[in-house]
Every structure is written in C-alpha cells, then in structure tokens.
Amino acid sequence: MVREVDSELLLLDTEADRIHQLNRTASFIWQRCDGDQSADEIAQMIATEFAVDSKTAMRDVVDTLGKLQALNLVAEVPEDGHGQQQT
C-alpha cells in the first residue's frame, strides 16, 4: 500500500510489517522504478527536477535504489539488451 503525504510517500510493507517514509527525492525515484526507466534516465530527471548536477543526481539514485533493494521494495531488472541496467 502506498499513500502520498505532502510530496512524500508512505509505503506499507506487509511482509516486514513496517511502514517506510520516503522523502521527496526518494519518492520521486521510487515512482519511476517501473522497469522502463534506467538509473541513468532517473538521474537525468532528478537533475532537472531538483536543479542538481548530474553527478549528485546519479549518486542519489544509486544510493536510494540500493536502500530500496535492501528493503525489498524494488527489484533489479536484468539488462535490456542495449547495455543499460533497468530499475
């Protein structure tokens, strides 16, 4: 279950019996983890949306995806055949 509150997401993780609160940046990233966007594409969107440099945006995406994967909130999708890792 997902609820949006003031540009942040609350995720109910029924398997772990936990509620996760994602800040605005993490919420933005999580909402784009649909298997169609690569980490690079999400980082480009972050750079534009939050007016940060591409290096900072990529670091935020990689860190956030790592945390979300560790919590089993997203799964890594194999490469798409074009050499790009999907999220």
N, C-alpha and C. Protein backbone atom coordinates (compact mmCIF):
# COMPACT_ATOMS: atom_id res chain seq x y z
N MET A 1 0.84 -1.18 0.00
CA MET A 1 0.00 0.00 0.00
C MET A 1 0.88 1.24 0.00
N VAL A 2 0.46 2.23 -0.75
CA VAL A 2 1.22 3.47 -0.87
C VAL A 2 0.27 4.65 -0.65
N ARG A 3 0.72 5.60 0.15
CA ARG A 3 -0.02 6.84 0.38
C ARG A 3 0.93 8.00 0.19
N GLU A 4 0.46 9.05 -0.50
CA GLU A 4 1.27 10.25 -0.66
C GLU A 4 0.81 11.29 0.34
N VAL A 5 1.77 11.87 1.05
CA VAL A 5 1.50 12.91 2.03
C VAL A 5 2.54 14.01 1.84
N ASP A 6 2.09 15.19 1.40
CA ASP A 6 2.99 16.34 1.22
C ASP A 6 4.23 16.00 0.40
N SER A 7 4.06 15.44 -0.79
CA SER A 7 5.15 15.09 -1.71
C SER A 7 6.07 14.00 -1.20
N GLU A 8 5.69 13.32 -0.15
CA GLU A 8 6.45 12.18 0.36
C GLU A 8 5.54 10.95 0.33
N LEU A 9 6.15 9.79 0.25
CA LEU A 9 5.37 8.56 0.21
C LEU A 9 5.50 7.78 1.50
N LEU A 10 4.40 7.17 1.89
CA LEU A 10 4.40 6.20 2.97
C LEU A 10 4.11 4.85 2.34
N LEU A 11 5.01 3.89 2.54
CA LEU A 11 4.85 2.56 1.97
C LEU A 11 4.59 1.56 3.08
N LEU A 12 3.50 0.82 2.97
CA LEU A 12 3.21 -0.23 3.93
C LEU A 12 3.80 -1.53 3.40
N ASP A 13 4.77 -2.05 4.11
CA ASP A 13 5.43 -3.29 3.75
C ASP A 13 4.82 -4.39 4.61
N THR A 14 3.85 -5.09 4.06
CA THR A 14 3.13 -6.10 4.84
C THR A 14 3.99 -7.32 5.14
N GLU A 15 4.98 -7.61 4.29
CA GLU A 15 5.85 -8.76 4.55
C GLU A 15 6.74 -8.53 5.76
N ALA A 16 7.27 -7.31 5.89
CA ALA A 16 8.16 -7.00 7.00
C ALA A 16 7.40 -6.34 8.15
N ASP A 17 6.09 -6.09 7.95
CA ASP A 17 5.25 -5.44 8.95
C ASP A 17 5.86 -4.11 9.37
N ARG A 18 6.19 -3.29 8.34
CA ARG A 18 6.82 -1.99 8.57
C ARG A 18 6.18 -0.94 7.68
N ILE A 19 6.31 0.30 8.10
CA ILE A 19 5.93 1.44 7.29
C ILE A 19 7.20 2.22 6.98
N HIS A 20 7.40 2.53 5.71
CA HIS A 20 8.57 3.28 5.28
C HIS A 20 8.12 4.65 4.81
N GLN A 21 8.79 5.69 5.28
CA GLN A 21 8.51 7.05 4.84
C GLN A 21 9.65 7.49 3.94
N LEU A 22 9.31 7.82 2.69
CA LEU A 22 10.31 8.26 1.73
C LEU A 22 10.26 9.77 1.59
N ASN A 23 11.42 10.42 1.64
CA ASN A 23 11.45 11.86 1.43
C ASN A 23 11.11 12.17 -0.03
N ARG A 24 11.09 13.45 -0.37
CA ARG A 24 10.66 13.85 -1.70
C ARG A 24 11.52 13.24 -2.80
N THR A 25 12.84 13.25 -2.61
CA THR A 25 13.74 12.70 -3.62
C THR A 25 13.56 11.19 -3.76
N ALA A 26 13.53 10.47 -2.65
CA ALA A 26 13.34 9.03 -2.69
C ALA A 26 11.97 8.67 -3.28
N SER A 27 10.96 9.46 -2.97
CA SER A 27 9.62 9.24 -3.54
C SER A 27 9.65 9.40 -5.05
N PHE A 28 10.32 10.44 -5.52
CA PHE A 28 10.47 10.70 -6.95
C PHE A 28 11.13 9.50 -7.63
N ILE A 29 12.19 8.99 -7.04
CA ILE A 29 12.91 7.84 -7.59
C ILE A 29 12.03 6.60 -7.57
N TRP A 30 11.40 6.31 -6.44
CA TRP A 30 10.58 5.10 -6.30
C TRP A 30 9.45 5.08 -7.32
N GLN A 31 8.84 6.24 -7.55
CA GLN A 31 7.72 6.31 -8.51
C GLN A 31 8.16 6.02 -9.94
N ARG A 32 9.44 6.13 -10.22
CA ARG A 32 9.94 5.88 -11.56
C ARG A 32 10.58 4.50 -11.72
N CYS A 33 10.54 3.70 -10.70
CA CYS A 33 11.08 2.34 -10.74
C CYS A 33 10.03 1.40 -11.32
N ASP A 34 9.79 1.56 -12.61
CA ASP A 34 8.75 0.79 -13.27
C ASP A 34 9.29 -0.23 -14.27
N GLY A 35 10.62 -0.34 -14.34
CA GLY A 35 11.23 -1.27 -15.28
C GLY A 35 11.44 -0.66 -16.66
N ASP A 36 10.85 0.51 -16.90
CA ASP A 36 11.02 1.18 -18.19
C ASP A 36 12.10 2.26 -18.14
N GLN A 37 12.47 2.71 -16.94
CA GLN A 37 13.44 3.78 -16.78
C GLN A 37 14.76 3.19 -16.28
N SER A 38 15.86 3.59 -16.88
CA SER A 38 17.16 3.17 -16.37
C SER A 38 17.56 4.11 -15.23
N ALA A 39 18.55 3.69 -14.45
CA ALA A 39 19.06 4.54 -13.38
C ALA A 39 19.59 5.84 -13.97
N ASP A 40 20.24 5.78 -15.13
CA ASP A 40 20.74 6.99 -15.79
C ASP A 40 19.59 7.94 -16.15
N GLU A 41 18.52 7.39 -16.66
CA GLU A 41 17.36 8.22 -17.03
C GLU A 41 16.73 8.86 -15.80
N ILE A 42 16.62 8.10 -14.73
CA ILE A 42 16.07 8.65 -13.49
C ILE A 42 16.97 9.75 -12.96
N ALA A 43 18.29 9.54 -13.03
CA ALA A 43 19.23 10.56 -12.57
C ALA A 43 19.09 11.84 -13.39
N GLN A 44 18.89 11.72 -14.69
CA GLN A 44 18.68 12.91 -15.52
C GLN A 44 17.42 13.66 -15.10
N MET A 45 16.37 12.90 -14.78
CA MET A 45 15.12 13.53 -14.32
C MET A 45 15.32 14.22 -12.97
N ILE A 46 16.09 13.57 -12.08
CA ILE A 46 16.38 14.16 -10.76
C ILE A 46 17.14 15.47 -10.95
N ALA A 47 18.15 15.47 -11.83
CA ALA A 47 18.95 16.68 -12.07
C ALA A 47 18.06 17.83 -12.52
N THR A 48 17.12 17.54 -13.39
CA THR A 48 16.22 18.57 -13.90
C THR A 48 15.22 19.01 -12.83
N GLU A 49 14.57 18.05 -12.20
CA GLU A 49 13.52 18.35 -11.21
C GLU A 49 14.04 19.09 -9.99
N PHE A 50 15.22 18.71 -9.51
CA PHE A 50 15.74 19.26 -8.26
C PHE A 50 16.90 20.24 -8.47
N ALA A 51 17.21 20.54 -9.72
CA ALA A 51 18.26 21.50 -10.07
C ALA A 51 19.59 21.17 -9.39
N VAL A 52 20.03 19.91 -9.57
CA VAL A 52 21.33 19.47 -9.06
C VAL A 52 22.17 19.00 -10.23
N ASP A 53 23.49 18.92 -10.02
CA ASP A 53 24.35 18.45 -11.10
C ASP A 53 24.15 16.95 -11.31
N SER A 54 24.53 16.48 -12.47
CA SER A 54 24.29 15.08 -12.85
C SER A 54 25.02 14.10 -11.94
N LYS A 55 26.20 14.47 -11.47
CA LYS A 55 26.97 13.59 -10.58
C LYS A 55 26.23 13.38 -9.25
N THR A 56 25.71 14.46 -8.69
CA THR A 56 24.95 14.38 -7.44
C THR A 56 23.67 13.58 -7.65
N ALA A 57 23.00 13.83 -8.78
CA ALA A 57 21.76 13.12 -9.08
C ALA A 57 22.01 11.61 -9.18
N MET A 58 23.09 11.23 -9.88
CA MET A 58 23.39 9.80 -10.04
C MET A 58 23.71 9.16 -8.70
N ARG A 59 24.48 9.85 -7.87
CA ARG A 59 24.82 9.33 -6.54
C ARG A 59 23.54 9.13 -5.71
N ASP A 60 22.62 10.09 -5.77
CA ASP A 60 21.35 9.97 -5.04
C ASP A 60 20.54 8.78 -5.54
N VAL A 61 20.50 8.60 -6.85
CA VAL A 61 19.73 7.48 -7.42
C VAL A 61 20.35 6.15 -7.01
N VAL A 62 21.65 6.02 -7.14
CA VAL A 62 22.32 4.76 -6.79
C VAL A 62 22.14 4.45 -5.31
N ASP A 63 22.35 5.46 -4.45
CA ASP A 63 22.19 5.25 -3.01
C ASP A 63 20.75 4.86 -2.66
N THR A 64 19.80 5.58 -3.23
CA THR A 64 18.39 5.31 -2.92
C THR A 64 17.96 3.95 -3.43
N LEU A 65 18.36 3.59 -4.67
CA LEU A 65 18.00 2.28 -5.20
C LEU A 65 18.62 1.16 -4.37
N GLY A 66 19.84 1.36 -3.90
CA GLY A 66 20.47 0.36 -3.03
C GLY A 66 19.69 0.16 -1.75
N LYS A 67 19.24 1.24 -1.15
CA LYS A 67 18.45 1.14 0.09
C LYS A 67 17.10 0.49 -0.18
N LEU A 68 16.45 0.88 -1.27
CA LEU A 68 15.15 0.29 -1.59
C LEU A 68 15.27 -1.20 -1.90
N GLN A 69 16.35 -1.59 -2.57
CA GLN A 69 16.58 -3.01 -2.86
C GLN A 69 16.85 -3.77 -1.57
N ALA A 70 17.64 -3.20 -0.67
CA ALA A 70 17.94 -3.85 0.61
C ALA A 70 16.69 -4.07 1.43
N LEU A 71 15.71 -3.18 1.27
CA LEU A 71 14.43 -3.31 2.00
C LEU A 71 13.41 -4.14 1.22
N ASN A 72 13.82 -4.67 0.07
CA ASN A 72 12.94 -5.46 -0.81
C ASN A 72 11.72 -4.66 -1.28
N LEU A 73 11.92 -3.36 -1.50
CA LEU A 73 10.84 -2.51 -2.00
C LEU A 73 10.90 -2.35 -3.51
N VAL A 74 12.05 -2.64 -4.10
CA VAL A 74 12.20 -2.70 -5.56
C VAL A 74 13.12 -3.87 -5.87
N ALA A 75 13.00 -4.36 -7.09
CA ALA A 75 13.86 -5.46 -7.54
C ALA A 75 14.63 -5.00 -8.76
N GLU A 76 15.84 -5.49 -8.91
CA GLU A 76 16.65 -5.16 -10.07
C GLU A 76 16.15 -5.96 -11.26
N VAL A 77 16.04 -5.28 -12.39
CA VAL A 77 15.62 -5.92 -13.63
C VAL A 77 16.87 -6.11 -14.48
N PRO A 78 17.04 -7.28 -15.11
CA PRO A 78 18.23 -7.54 -15.94
C PRO A 78 18.38 -6.51 -17.05
N GLU A 79 19.58 -6.46 -17.61
CA GLU A 79 19.86 -5.53 -18.70
C GLU A 79 18.86 -5.72 -19.83
N ASP A 80 18.59 -4.60 -20.52
CA ASP A 80 17.54 -4.61 -21.55
C ASP A 80 18.03 -5.03 -22.93
N GLY A 81 19.26 -5.48 -23.02
CA GLY A 81 19.77 -5.88 -24.32
C GLY A 81 20.53 -4.78 -25.02
N HIS A 82 20.43 -3.56 -24.47
CA HIS A 82 21.14 -2.41 -25.04
C HIS A 82 22.27 -1.98 -24.10
N GLY A 83 22.59 -2.82 -23.11
CA GLY A 83 23.66 -2.50 -22.20
C GLY A 83 23.26 -1.57 -21.07
N GLN A 84 21.96 -1.29 -20.94
CA GLN A 84 21.51 -0.40 -19.88
C GLN A 84 20.82 -1.21 -18.79
N GLN A 85 21.20 -0.93 -17.56
CA GLN A 85 20.57 -1.56 -16.42
C GLN A 85 19.23 -0.89 -16.16
N GLN A 86 18.20 -1.65 -16.01
CA GLN A 86 16.88 -1.12 -15.72
C GLN A 86 16.62 -1.20 -14.23
N THR A 87 15.70 -0.38 -13.71
CA THR A 87 15.33 -0.41 -12.29
C THR A 87 13.93 -0.91 -12.14
